[in-house]
């Protein structure tokens, strides 16, 4: 699958209406949702945007695509218009960074894990789309924190998982964390092997983050099955952990039994996870199993 198809598939998941016609009515509602303590989310097309506003600052997580990015930049002033503007990229995928240039032109400083700019640049080069990119000017290896009014924002990298540049952005006082695409909530995830994904690392990350949370922590997810939404508790993280663990174990058992790659990847659903949705061939169990097979058989 080329990058254009990849972006189209992922981009539809946030708006939902292209794949899920029954949710067309949601487009009439405001894409801005306030959660608590000045933190909210925004969803039009692409990975869910998180935001925090105060009199002194606007802090944003992810930028979707140019058109929704412009809608966000124009609309966020209704919630706050602080002079200090910061945009975090949770990872490099275009449905999370495609609107970076809009934010940069509006005065936002961009922050991301150290691997994100190179991954984003390579993807842009492969799709001949470099002129529309804006890259993080501030990067970090493990953790980046700063205070914005009454809120402390901390971005943490836990190792390769969905990609090799994922970050979880914690709004510590609000007790809210933005997971980027580390949780596709009840959807078969995209496992970006070319971007450095490691399923075993993803499993460990979800368990670690769930352990750092408490029963009141609210998580924002990059994408979600409309029946379950794009927010949830640490139980949703552990549910995704359990799915990924089962994915690896099923593949490992198939390899041990002498099954071929084709036989292993022919499975289209797990009885243990009937709530997982496959909106397209791109986000499906056979694709997940193929990446698991590659991870377990690589030398």
C-alpha atoms as a PDB file:
ATOM      1  CA  UNK A   1       0.000   0.000   0.000  1.00  0.00           C
ATOM      2  CA  UNK A   2       1.378   3.416  -0.934  1.00  0.00           C
ATOM      3  CA  UNK A   3       1.449   6.359   1.442  1.00  0.00           C
ATOM      4  CA  UNK A   4      -1.555   8.076  -0.156  1.00  0.00           C
ATOM      5  CA  UNK A   5      -3.718   5.022   0.451  1.00  0.00           C
ATOM      6  CA  UNK A   6      -2.307   4.751   3.960  1.00  0.00           C
ATOM      7  CA  UNK A   7      -3.248   8.339   4.789  1.00  0.00           C
ATOM      8  CA  UNK A   8      -6.679   7.963   3.273  1.00  0.00           C
ATOM      9  CA  UNK A   9      -7.415   4.871   5.350  1.00  0.00           C
ATOM     10  CA  UNK A  10      -6.191   6.376   8.606  1.00  0.00           C
ATOM     11  CA  UNK A  11      -7.639   9.793   7.902  1.00  0.00           C
ATOM     12  CA  UNK A  12     -11.163   8.442   7.680  1.00  0.00           C
ATOM     13  CA  UNK A  13     -11.075   6.814  11.089  1.00  0.00           C
ATOM     14  CA  UNK A  14     -11.383   9.981  13.129  1.00  0.00           C
ATOM     15  CA  UNK A  15     -14.269  11.515  11.219  1.00  0.00           C
ATOM     16  CA  UNK A  16     -15.884   8.093  10.972  1.00  0.00           C
ATOM     17  CA  UNK A  17     -18.548   9.097   8.493  1.00  0.00           C
ATOM     18  CA  UNK A  18     -16.751   7.861   5.387  1.00  0.00           C
ATOM     19  CA  UNK A  19     -16.550   4.324   6.751  1.00  0.00           C
ATOM     20  CA  UNK A  20     -19.487   4.427   9.153  1.00  0.00           C
ATOM     21  CA  UNK A  21     -22.427   6.191   7.437  1.00  0.00           C
ATOM     22  CA  UNK A  22     -24.661   5.867  10.515  1.00  0.00           C
ATOM     23  CA  UNK A  23     -22.438   8.468  12.191  1.00  0.00           C
ATOM     24  CA  UNK A  24     -22.931  11.171   9.553  1.00  0.00           C
ATOM     25  CA  UNK A  25     -24.992  13.149  12.045  1.00  0.00           C
ATOM     26  CA  UNK A  26     -21.922  13.665  14.235  1.00  0.00           C
ATOM     27  CA  UNK A  27     -20.450  15.988  11.611  1.00  0.00           C
ATOM     28  CA  UNK A  28     -23.100  18.547  12.484  1.00  0.00           C
ATOM     29  CA  UNK A  29     -21.723  18.794  16.006  1.00  0.00           C
ATOM     30  CA  UNK A  30     -18.748  20.848  17.091  1.00  0.00           C
ATOM     31  CA  UNK A  31     -15.445  19.007  16.601  1.00  0.00           C
ATOM     32  CA  UNK A  32     -14.259  20.532  19.909  1.00  0.00           C
ATOM     33  CA  UNK A  33     -15.002  18.556  23.064  1.00  0.00           C
ATOM     34  CA  UNK A  34     -14.020  19.830  26.501  1.00  0.00           C
ATOM     35  CA  UNK A  35     -12.959  17.057  28.859  1.00  0.00           C
ATOM     36  CA  UNK A  36     -11.746  18.553  32.157  1.00  0.00           C
ATOM     37  CA  UNK A  37      -9.392  21.114  33.674  1.00  0.00           C
ATOM     38  CA  UNK A  38      -8.910  22.989  30.406  1.00  0.00           C
ATOM     39  CA  UNK A  39      -8.064  19.857  28.422  1.00  0.00           C
ATOM     40  CA  UNK A  40     -10.134  18.775  25.446  1.00  0.00           C
ATOM     41  CA  UNK A  41     -10.072  16.956  22.130  1.00  0.00           C
ATOM     42  CA  UNK A  42     -10.840  17.801  18.524  1.00  0.00           C
ATOM     43  CA  UNK A  43     -11.821  15.410  15.754  1.00  0.00           C
ATOM     44  CA  UNK A  44     -12.499  16.048  12.078  1.00  0.00           C
ATOM     45  CA  UNK A  45     -10.258  13.949   9.820  1.00  0.00           C
ATOM     46  CA  UNK A  46      -7.239  12.045  11.046  1.00  0.00           C
ATOM     47  CA  UNK A  47      -5.779  11.161  14.417  1.00  0.00           C
ATOM     48  CA  UNK A  48      -7.586  12.763  17.342  1.00  0.00           C
ATOM     49  CA  UNK A  49      -6.152  16.122  18.425  1.00  0.00           C
ATOM     50  CA  UNK A  50      -5.730  16.860  22.135  1.00  0.00           C
ATOM     51  CA  UNK A  51      -5.556  20.409  23.486  1.00  0.00           C
ATOM     52  CA  UNK A  52      -5.085  22.473  26.617  1.00  0.00           C
ATOM     53  CA  UNK A  53      -5.732  26.188  26.917  1.00  0.00           C
ATOM     54  CA  UNK A  54      -4.942  28.760  29.554  1.00  0.00           C
ATOM     55  CA  UNK A  55      -4.494  32.527  29.516  1.00  0.00           C
ATOM     56  CA  UNK A  56      -0.796  32.062  28.876  1.00  0.00           C
ATOM     57  CA  UNK A  57      -0.608  29.128  26.488  1.00  0.00           C
ATOM     58  CA  UNK A  58      -2.228  26.765  24.016  1.00  0.00           C
ATOM     59  CA  UNK A  59      -0.788  23.245  24.006  1.00  0.00           C
ATOM     60  CA  UNK A  60      -1.871  20.869  21.242  1.00  0.00           C
ATOM     61  CA  UNK A  61      -1.179  17.204  20.499  1.00  0.00           C
ATOM     62  CA  UNK A  62      -1.163  16.279  16.787  1.00  0.00           C
ATOM     63  CA  UNK A  63      -2.320  18.260  13.787  1.00  0.00           C
ATOM     64  CA  UNK A  64      -4.444  15.978  11.545  1.00  0.00           C
ATOM     65  CA  UNK A  65      -4.407  17.314   7.931  1.00  0.00           C
ATOM     66  CA  UNK A  66      -4.204  20.901   6.604  1.00  0.00           C
ATOM     67  CA  UNK A  67      -7.950  21.571   6.371  1.00  0.00           C
ATOM     68  CA  UNK A  68      -8.881  20.317   9.851  1.00  0.00           C
ATOM     69  CA  UNK A  69      -5.720  21.969  11.191  1.00  0.00           C
ATOM     70  CA  UNK A  70      -6.975  25.311   9.890  1.00  0.00           C
ATOM     71  CA  UNK A  71     -10.392  24.662  11.424  1.00  0.00           C
ATOM     72  CA  UNK A  72      -8.713  23.916  14.731  1.00  0.00           C
ATOM     73  CA  UNK A  73      -6.446  26.975  14.695  1.00  0.00           C
ATOM     74  CA  UNK A  74      -9.410  29.203  13.818  1.00  0.00           C
ATOM     75  CA  UNK A  75     -11.706  27.645  16.411  1.00  0.00           C
ATOM     76  CA  UNK A  76      -9.500  27.169  19.462  1.00  0.00           C
ATOM     77  CA  UNK A  77      -9.629  30.892  20.254  1.00  0.00           C
ATOM     78  CA  UNK A  78     -13.109  30.304  21.666  1.00  0.00           C
ATOM     79  CA  UNK A  79     -11.474  28.333  24.501  1.00  0.00           C
ATOM     80  CA  UNK A  80      -8.309  30.389  24.996  1.00  0.00           C
ATOM     81  CA  UNK A  81      -5.770  32.411  23.094  1.00  0.00           C
ATOM     82  CA  UNK A  82      -2.545  32.320  25.094  1.00  0.00           C
ATOM     83  CA  UNK A  83       0.542  33.845  23.459  1.00  0.00           C
ATOM     84  CA  UNK A  84       2.677  30.727  24.027  1.00  0.00           C
ATOM     85  CA  UNK A  85       1.738  28.045  21.467  1.00  0.00           C
ATOM     86  CA  UNK A  86       3.102  24.505  21.460  1.00  0.00           C
ATOM     87  CA  UNK A  87       2.330  21.539  19.211  1.00  0.00           C
ATOM     88  CA  UNK A  88       3.407  18.007  20.126  1.00  0.00           C
ATOM     89  CA  UNK A  89       3.512  15.276  17.501  1.00  0.00           C
ATOM     90  CA  UNK A  90       2.752  11.913  19.102  1.00  0.00           C
ATOM     91  CA  UNK A  91       4.491  10.224  16.142  1.00  0.00           C
ATOM     92  CA  UNK A  92       5.249  10.875  12.473  1.00  0.00           C
ATOM     93  CA  UNK A  93       2.256   9.574  10.498  1.00  0.00           C
ATOM     94  CA  UNK A  94       0.665  12.035   8.135  1.00  0.00           C
ATOM     95  CA  UNK A  95      -2.777  11.975   9.725  1.00  0.00           C
ATOM     96  CA  UNK A  96      -1.066  13.299  12.880  1.00  0.00           C
ATOM     97  CA  UNK A  97       1.507  15.651  11.279  1.00  0.00           C
ATOM     98  CA  UNK A  98      -0.126  16.688   7.995  1.00  0.00           C
ATOM     99  CA  UNK A  99      -1.358  19.958   9.506  1.00  0.00           C
ATOM    100  CA  UNK A 100       1.991  20.891  11.074  1.00  0.00           C
ATOM    101  CA  UNK A 101       2.672  23.626   8.546  1.00  0.00           C
ATOM    102  CA  UNK A 102      -0.632  25.344   9.381  1.00  0.00           C
ATOM    103  CA  UNK A 103       0.284  25.341  13.066  1.00  0.00           C
ATOM    104  CA  UNK A 104       3.841  26.525  12.402  1.00  0.00           C
ATOM    105  CA  UNK A 105       2.559  29.415  10.299  1.00  0.00           C
ATOM    106  CA  UNK A 106       0.256  30.344  13.186  1.00  0.00           C
ATOM    107  CA  UNK A 107       3.216  30.601  15.565  1.00  0.00           C
ATOM    108  CA  UNK A 108       3.293  27.172  17.179  1.00  0.00           C
ATOM    109  CA  UNK A 109       6.577  25.587  18.232  1.00  0.00           C
ATOM    110  CA  UNK A 110       6.676  21.890  17.333  1.00  0.00           C
ATOM    111  CA  UNK A 111       8.038  19.230  19.731  1.00  0.00           C
ATOM    112  CA  UNK A 112       8.447  15.495  19.120  1.00  0.00           C
ATOM    113  CA  UNK A 113      10.571  12.488  19.922  1.00  0.00           C
ATOM    114  CA  UNK A 114      13.999  12.567  18.295  1.00  0.00           C
ATOM    115  CA  UNK A 115      13.094   9.892  15.720  1.00  0.00           C
ATOM    116  CA  UNK A 116      10.006  11.694  14.433  1.00  0.00           C
ATOM    117  CA  UNK A 117      11.527  14.295  12.052  1.00  0.00           C
ATOM    118  CA  UNK A 118      13.591  11.735  10.124  1.00  0.00           C
ATOM    119  CA  UNK A 119      10.666   9.312   9.877  1.00  0.00           C
ATOM    120  CA  UNK A 120       8.369  12.114   8.747  1.00  0.00           C
ATOM    121  CA  UNK A 121      10.923  13.369   6.217  1.00  0.00           C
ATOM    122  CA  UNK A 122      11.427   9.908   4.732  1.00  0.00           C
ATOM    123  CA  UNK A 123       7.678   9.406   4.385  1.00  0.00           C
ATOM    124  CA  UNK A 124       7.330  12.825   2.716  1.00  0.00           C
ATOM    125  CA  UNK A 125      10.150  12.062   0.297  1.00  0.00           C
ATOM    126  CA  UNK A 126       8.566   8.743  -0.627  1.00  0.00           C
ATOM    127  CA  UNK A 127       5.303  10.496  -1.485  1.00  0.00           C
ATOM    128  CA  UNK A 128       6.887  13.597  -3.080  1.00  0.00           C
ATOM    129  CA  UNK A 129       5.250  15.795  -0.461  1.00  0.00           C
ATOM    130  CA  UNK A 130       8.178  17.524   1.232  1.00  0.00           C
ATOM    131  CA  UNK A 131       7.018  21.037   0.432  1.00  0.00           C
ATOM    132  CA  UNK A 132       3.960  20.608   2.671  1.00  0.00           C
ATOM    133  CA  UNK A 133       5.868  19.503   5.771  1.00  0.00           C
ATOM    134  CA  UNK A 134       6.859  21.241   8.968  1.00  0.00           C
ATOM    135  CA  UNK A 135       9.116  19.355  11.357  1.00  0.00           C
ATOM    136  CA  UNK A 136       9.693  19.491  15.080  1.00  0.00           C
ATOM    137  CA  UNK A 137      12.303  22.087  15.973  1.00  0.00           C
ATOM    138  CA  UNK A 138      12.628  20.705  19.511  1.00  0.00           C
ATOM    139  CA  UNK A 139      13.169  16.996  20.079  1.00  0.00           C
ATOM    140  CA  UNK A 140      13.827  14.760  23.065  1.00  0.00           C
ATOM    141  CA  UNK A 141      15.166  11.270  23.657  1.00  0.00           C
ATOM    142  CA  UNK A 142      13.220  10.087  26.696  1.00  0.00           C
ATOM    143  CA  UNK A 143      11.119  12.848  28.256  1.00  0.00           C
ATOM    144  CA  UNK A 144      10.190  16.510  27.852  1.00  0.00           C
ATOM    145  CA  UNK A 145       8.269  18.527  30.457  1.00  0.00           C
ATOM    146  CA  UNK A 146       7.156  22.107  30.939  1.00  0.00           C
ATOM    147  CA  UNK A 147       4.614  24.077  32.932  1.00  0.00           C
ATOM    148  CA  UNK A 148       1.777  25.954  31.258  1.00  0.00           C
ATOM    149  CA  UNK A 149      -0.296  27.877  33.746  1.00  0.00           C
ATOM    150  CA  UNK A 150      -1.864  25.435  36.169  1.00  0.00           C
ATOM    151  CA  UNK A 151      -0.899  22.410  34.076  1.00  0.00           C
ATOM    152  CA  UNK A 152       2.299  20.387  33.734  1.00  0.00           C
ATOM    153  CA  UNK A 153       2.664  18.666  30.370  1.00  0.00           C
ATOM    154  CA  UNK A 154       5.087  15.768  30.022  1.00  0.00           C
ATOM    155  CA  UNK A 155       5.835  13.850  26.830  1.00  0.00           C
ATOM    156  CA  UNK A 156       7.407  10.433  27.408  1.00  0.00           C
ATOM    157  CA  UNK A 157       8.959   7.947  25.009  1.00  0.00           C
ATOM    158  CA  UNK A 158       8.776   4.333  26.199  1.00  0.00           C
ATOM    159  CA  UNK A 159      10.618   2.636  23.324  1.00  0.00           C
ATOM    160  CA  UNK A 160       9.573   1.276  19.916  1.00  0.00           C
ATOM    161  CA  UNK A 161       5.929   0.226  19.732  1.00  0.00           C
ATOM    162  CA  UNK A 162       3.512   1.431  17.024  1.00  0.00           C
ATOM    163  CA  UNK A 163       6.594   3.158  15.525  1.00  0.00           C
ATOM    164  CA  UNK A 164      10.037   3.935  16.899  1.00  0.00           C
ATOM    165  CA  UNK A 165       9.039   7.512  17.638  1.00  0.00           C
ATOM    166  CA  UNK A 166       5.865   7.253  19.742  1.00  0.00           C
ATOM    167  CA  UNK A 167       5.214   9.513  22.713  1.00  0.00           C
ATOM    168  CA  UNK A 168       2.533   9.568  25.364  1.00  0.00           C
ATOM    169  CA  UNK A 169       1.689  13.159  26.328  1.00  0.00           C
ATOM    170  CA  UNK A 170       0.518  13.492  29.922  1.00  0.00           C
ATOM    171  CA  UNK A 171      -1.526  16.439  31.206  1.00  0.00           C
ATOM    172  CA  UNK A 172      -0.551  15.712  34.776  1.00  0.00           C
ATOM    173  CA  UNK A 173      -2.881  17.907  36.816  1.00  0.00           C
ATOM    174  CA  UNK A 174      -5.911  17.046  34.688  1.00  0.00           C
ATOM    175  CA  UNK A 175      -4.875  13.370  34.852  1.00  0.00           C
ATOM    176  CA  UNK A 176      -5.336  12.969  31.113  1.00  0.00           C
ATOM    177  CA  UNK A 177      -2.935  11.272  28.705  1.00  0.00           C
ATOM    178  CA  UNK A 178      -2.911  11.400  24.904  1.00  0.00           C
ATOM    179  CA  UNK A 179      -1.840   8.027  23.486  1.00  0.00           C
ATOM    180  CA  UNK A 180      -1.599   8.901  19.796  1.00  0.00           C
ATOM    181  CA  UNK A 181      -1.876   5.663  17.822  1.00  0.00           C
ATOM    182  CA  UNK A 182      -0.659   3.525  20.692  1.00  0.00           C
ATOM    183  CA  UNK A 183      -4.336   2.692  21.100  1.00  0.00           C
ATOM    184  CA  UNK A 184      -6.638   1.978  18.175  1.00  0.00           C
ATOM    185  CA  UNK A 185      -9.654   1.515  20.420  1.00  0.00           C
ATOM    186  CA  UNK A 186     -11.320  -1.764  19.417  1.00  0.00           C
ATOM    187  CA  UNK A 187      -9.967  -1.453  15.863  1.00  0.00           C
ATOM    188  CA  UNK A 188      -7.292  -3.661  14.344  1.00  0.00           C
ATOM    189  CA  UNK A 189      -4.258  -1.387  14.570  1.00  0.00           C
ATOM    190  CA  UNK A 190      -1.712  -0.279  12.010  1.00  0.00           C
ATOM    191  CA  UNK A 191       1.610  -1.824  13.016  1.00  0.00           C
ATOM    192  CA  UNK A 192       4.231   0.229  11.154  1.00  0.00           C
ATOM    193  CA  UNK A 193       7.055  -2.251  10.732  1.00  0.00           C
ATOM    194  CA  UNK A 194       8.829   0.075   8.273  1.00  0.00           C
ATOM    195  CA  UNK A 195       8.594   2.818  10.893  1.00  0.00           C
ATOM    196  CA  UNK A 196      10.262   0.687  13.552  1.00  0.00           C
ATOM    197  CA  UNK A 197       7.231  -0.955  15.173  1.00  0.00           C
ATOM    198  CA  UNK A 198       7.835  -3.796  17.615  1.00  0.00           C
ATOM    199  CA  UNK A 199       4.752  -5.637  18.852  1.00  0.00           C
ATOM    200  CA  UNK A 200       6.467  -6.980  21.960  1.00  0.00           C
ATOM    201  CA  UNK A 201       7.587  -3.461  22.814  1.00  0.00           C
ATOM    202  CA  UNK A 202       4.052  -2.188  22.274  1.00  0.00           C
ATOM    203  CA  UNK A 203       2.740  -4.756  24.744  1.00  0.00           C
ATOM    204  CA  UNK A 204       5.267  -3.685  27.366  1.00  0.00           C
ATOM    205  CA  UNK A 205       4.505  -0.003  26.772  1.00  0.00           C
ATOM    206  CA  UNK A 206       0.773  -0.418  27.315  1.00  0.00           C
ATOM    207  CA  UNK A 207       1.348  -2.331  30.512  1.00  0.00           C
ATOM    208  CA  UNK A 208       3.812   0.293  31.765  1.00  0.00           C
ATOM    209  CA  UNK A 209       1.543   3.241  30.978  1.00  0.00           C
ATOM    210  CA  UNK A 210      -1.455   1.525  32.557  1.00  0.00           C
ATOM    211  CA  UNK A 211       0.664   1.012  35.652  1.00  0.00           C
ATOM    212  CA  UNK A 212       1.531   4.716  35.772  1.00  0.00           C
ATOM    213  CA  UNK A 213      -2.149   5.660  35.563  1.00  0.00           C
ATOM    214  CA  UNK A 214      -4.863   5.358  38.185  1.00  0.00           C
ATOM    215  CA  UNK A 215      -8.561   4.598  38.094  1.00  0.00           C
ATOM    216  CA  UNK A 216      -9.374   8.241  37.316  1.00  0.00           C
ATOM    217  CA  UNK A 217      -6.919   8.691  34.428  1.00  0.00           C
ATOM    218  CA  UNK A 218      -8.639   9.558  31.153  1.00  0.00           C
ATOM    219  CA  UNK A 219      -6.920   8.561  27.924  1.00  0.00           C
ATOM    220  CA  UNK A 220      -7.333  10.083  24.465  1.00  0.00           C
ATOM    221  CA  UNK A 221      -6.811   7.624  21.605  1.00  0.00           C
ATOM    222  CA  UNK A 222      -5.724   8.282  18.033  1.00  0.00           C
ATOM    223  CA  UNK A 223      -8.572   6.274  16.520  1.00  0.00           C
ATOM    224  CA  UNK A 224     -11.539   4.301  17.753  1.00  0.00           C
ATOM    225  CA  UNK A 225     -14.429   2.063  16.873  1.00  0.00           C
ATOM    226  CA  UNK A 226     -17.438   4.450  16.951  1.00  0.00           C
ATOM    227  CA  UNK A 227     -19.215   2.125  19.368  1.00  0.00           C
ATOM    228  CA  UNK A 228     -16.395   2.680  21.897  1.00  0.00           C
ATOM    229  CA  UNK A 229     -15.076   6.140  21.016  1.00  0.00           C
ATOM    230  CA  UNK A 230     -11.648   7.752  21.263  1.00  0.00           C
ATOM    231  CA  UNK A 231     -11.434   8.134  25.033  1.00  0.00           C
ATOM    232  CA  UNK A 232     -11.208   5.529  27.749  1.00  0.00           C
ATOM    233  CA  UNK A 233      -9.616   4.265  30.924  1.00  0.00           C
ATOM    234  CA  UNK A 234      -6.526   2.178  31.599  1.00  0.00           C
ATOM    235  CA  UNK A 235      -8.709  -0.892  31.044  1.00  0.00           C
ATOM    236  CA  UNK A 236      -8.780   0.040  27.346  1.00  0.00           C
ATOM    237  CA  UNK A 237      -4.974   0.035  27.302  1.00  0.00           C
ATOM    238  CA  UNK A 238      -4.892  -3.388  28.903  1.00  0.00           C
ATOM    239  CA  UNK A 239      -7.492  -4.640  26.421  1.00  0.00           C
ATOM    240  CA  UNK A 240      -5.224  -3.580  23.543  1.00  0.00           C
ATOM    241  CA  UNK A 241      -2.274  -5.163  25.347  1.00  0.00           C
ATOM    242  CA  UNK A 242      -4.197  -8.415  25.610  1.00  0.00           C
ATOM    243  CA  UNK A 243      -5.081  -8.299  21.916  1.00  0.00           C
ATOM    244  CA  UNK A 244      -1.462  -7.770  20.889  1.00  0.00           C
ATOM    245  CA  UNK A 245      -0.320 -10.526  23.255  1.00  0.00           C
ATOM    246  CA  UNK A 246      -2.855 -12.908  21.748  1.00  0.00           C
ATOM    247  CA  UNK A 247      -1.758 -11.841  18.256  1.00  0.00           C
ATOM    248  CA  UNK A 248       1.834 -12.829  18.984  1.00  0.00           C
ATOM    249  CA  UNK A 249       0.899 -16.058  20.776  1.00  0.00           C
ATOM    250  CA  UNK A 250      -1.429 -17.199  17.983  1.00  0.00           C
ATOM    251  CA  UNK A 251       1.291 -16.531  15.432  1.00  0.00           C
ATOM    252  CA  UNK A 252       3.962 -18.224  17.553  1.00  0.00           C
ATOM    253  CA  UNK A 253       1.810 -21.334  17.967  1.00  0.00           C
ATOM    254  CA  UNK A 254       1.120 -21.447  14.244  1.00  0.00           C
ATOM    255  CA  UNK A 255       4.815 -21.272  13.426  1.00  0.00           C
ATOM    256  CA  UNK A 256       5.576 -24.006  15.974  1.00  0.00           C
ATOM    257  CA  UNK A 257       2.883 -26.191  14.410  1.00  0.00           C
ATOM    258  CA  UNK A 258       4.528 -25.849  10.992  1.00  0.00           C
ATOM    259  CA  UNK A 259       1.836 -23.648   9.460  1.00  0.00           C
ATOM    260  CA  UNK A 260       2.780 -21.484   6.504  1.00  0.00           C
ATOM    261  CA  UNK A 261       2.685 -17.694   6.486  1.00  0.00           C
ATOM    262  CA  UNK A 262      -0.407 -17.870   4.286  1.00  0.00           C
ATOM    263  CA  UNK A 263      -2.188 -20.244   6.655  1.00  0.00           C
ATOM    264  CA  UNK A 264      -1.446 -18.091   9.689  1.00  0.00           C
ATOM    265  CA  UNK A 265      -2.526 -14.836   8.055  1.00  0.00           C
ATOM    266  CA  UNK A 266      -5.790 -16.268   6.715  1.00  0.00           C
ATOM    267  CA  UNK A 267      -7.500 -15.750  10.084  1.00  0.00           C
ATOM    268  CA  UNK A 268      -9.926 -12.811   9.906  1.00  0.00           C
ATOM    269  CA  UNK A 269     -11.058 -12.544  13.537  1.00  0.00           C
ATOM    270  CA  UNK A 270     -10.350 -13.812  17.035  1.00  0.00           C
ATOM    271  CA  UNK A 271     -13.233 -15.242  19.047  1.00  0.00           C
ATOM    272  CA  UNK A 272     -11.582 -13.726  22.119  1.00  0.00           C
ATOM    273  CA  UNK A 273     -11.876 -10.193  20.687  1.00  0.00           C
ATOM    274  CA  UNK A 274     -15.275  -9.911  18.985  1.00  0.00           C
ATOM    275  CA  UNK A 275     -15.339  -6.155  19.607  1.00  0.00           C
ATOM    276  CA  UNK A 276     -12.444  -5.445  17.215  1.00  0.00           C
ATOM    277  CA  UNK A 277     -13.549  -3.737  14.009  1.00  0.00           C
ATOM    278  CA  UNK A 278     -11.885  -4.011  10.605  1.00  0.00           C
ATOM    279  CA  UNK A 279     -12.885  -0.882   8.644  1.00  0.00           C
ATOM    280  CA  UNK A 280     -10.757  -1.919   5.640  1.00  0.00           C
ATOM    281  CA  UNK A 281      -8.220  -4.497   4.479  1.00  0.00           C
ATOM    282  CA  UNK A 282      -5.560  -2.045   5.590  1.00  0.00           C
ATOM    283  CA  UNK A 283      -6.674  -2.285   9.233  1.00  0.00           C
ATOM    284  CA  UNK A 284      -7.407  -5.973   9.554  1.00  0.00           C
ATOM    285  CA  UNK A 285      -6.356  -9.069  11.433  1.00  0.00           C
ATOM    286  CA  UNK A 286      -4.597 -10.639   8.412  1.00  0.00           C
ATOM    287  CA  UNK A 287      -2.330  -7.570   8.136  1.00  0.00           C
ATOM    288  CA  UNK A 288      -1.651  -7.652  11.870  1.00  0.00           C
ATOM    289  CA  UNK A 289      -0.817 -11.355  11.689  1.00  0.00           C
ATOM    290  CA  UNK A 290       1.546 -10.779   8.798  1.00  0.00           C
ATOM    291  CA  UNK A 291       3.542  -8.242  10.804  1.00  0.00           C
ATOM    292  CA  UNK A 292       3.560 -10.614  13.769  1.00  0.00           C
ATOM    293  CA  UNK A 293       4.871 -13.391  11.523  1.00  0.00           C
ATOM    294  CA  UNK A 294       7.649 -11.137  10.252  1.00  0.00           C
ATOM    295  CA  UNK A 295       8.599 -10.063  13.768  1.00  0.00           C
ATOM    296  CA  UNK A 296       8.801 -13.661  15.004  1.00  0.00           C
ATOM    297  CA  UNK A 297      10.671 -15.050  12.006  1.00  0.00           C
ATOM    298  CA  UNK A 298      13.189 -12.290  11.339  1.00  0.00           C
ATOM    299  CA  UNK A 299      16.789 -13.316  11.989  1.00  0.00           C
END
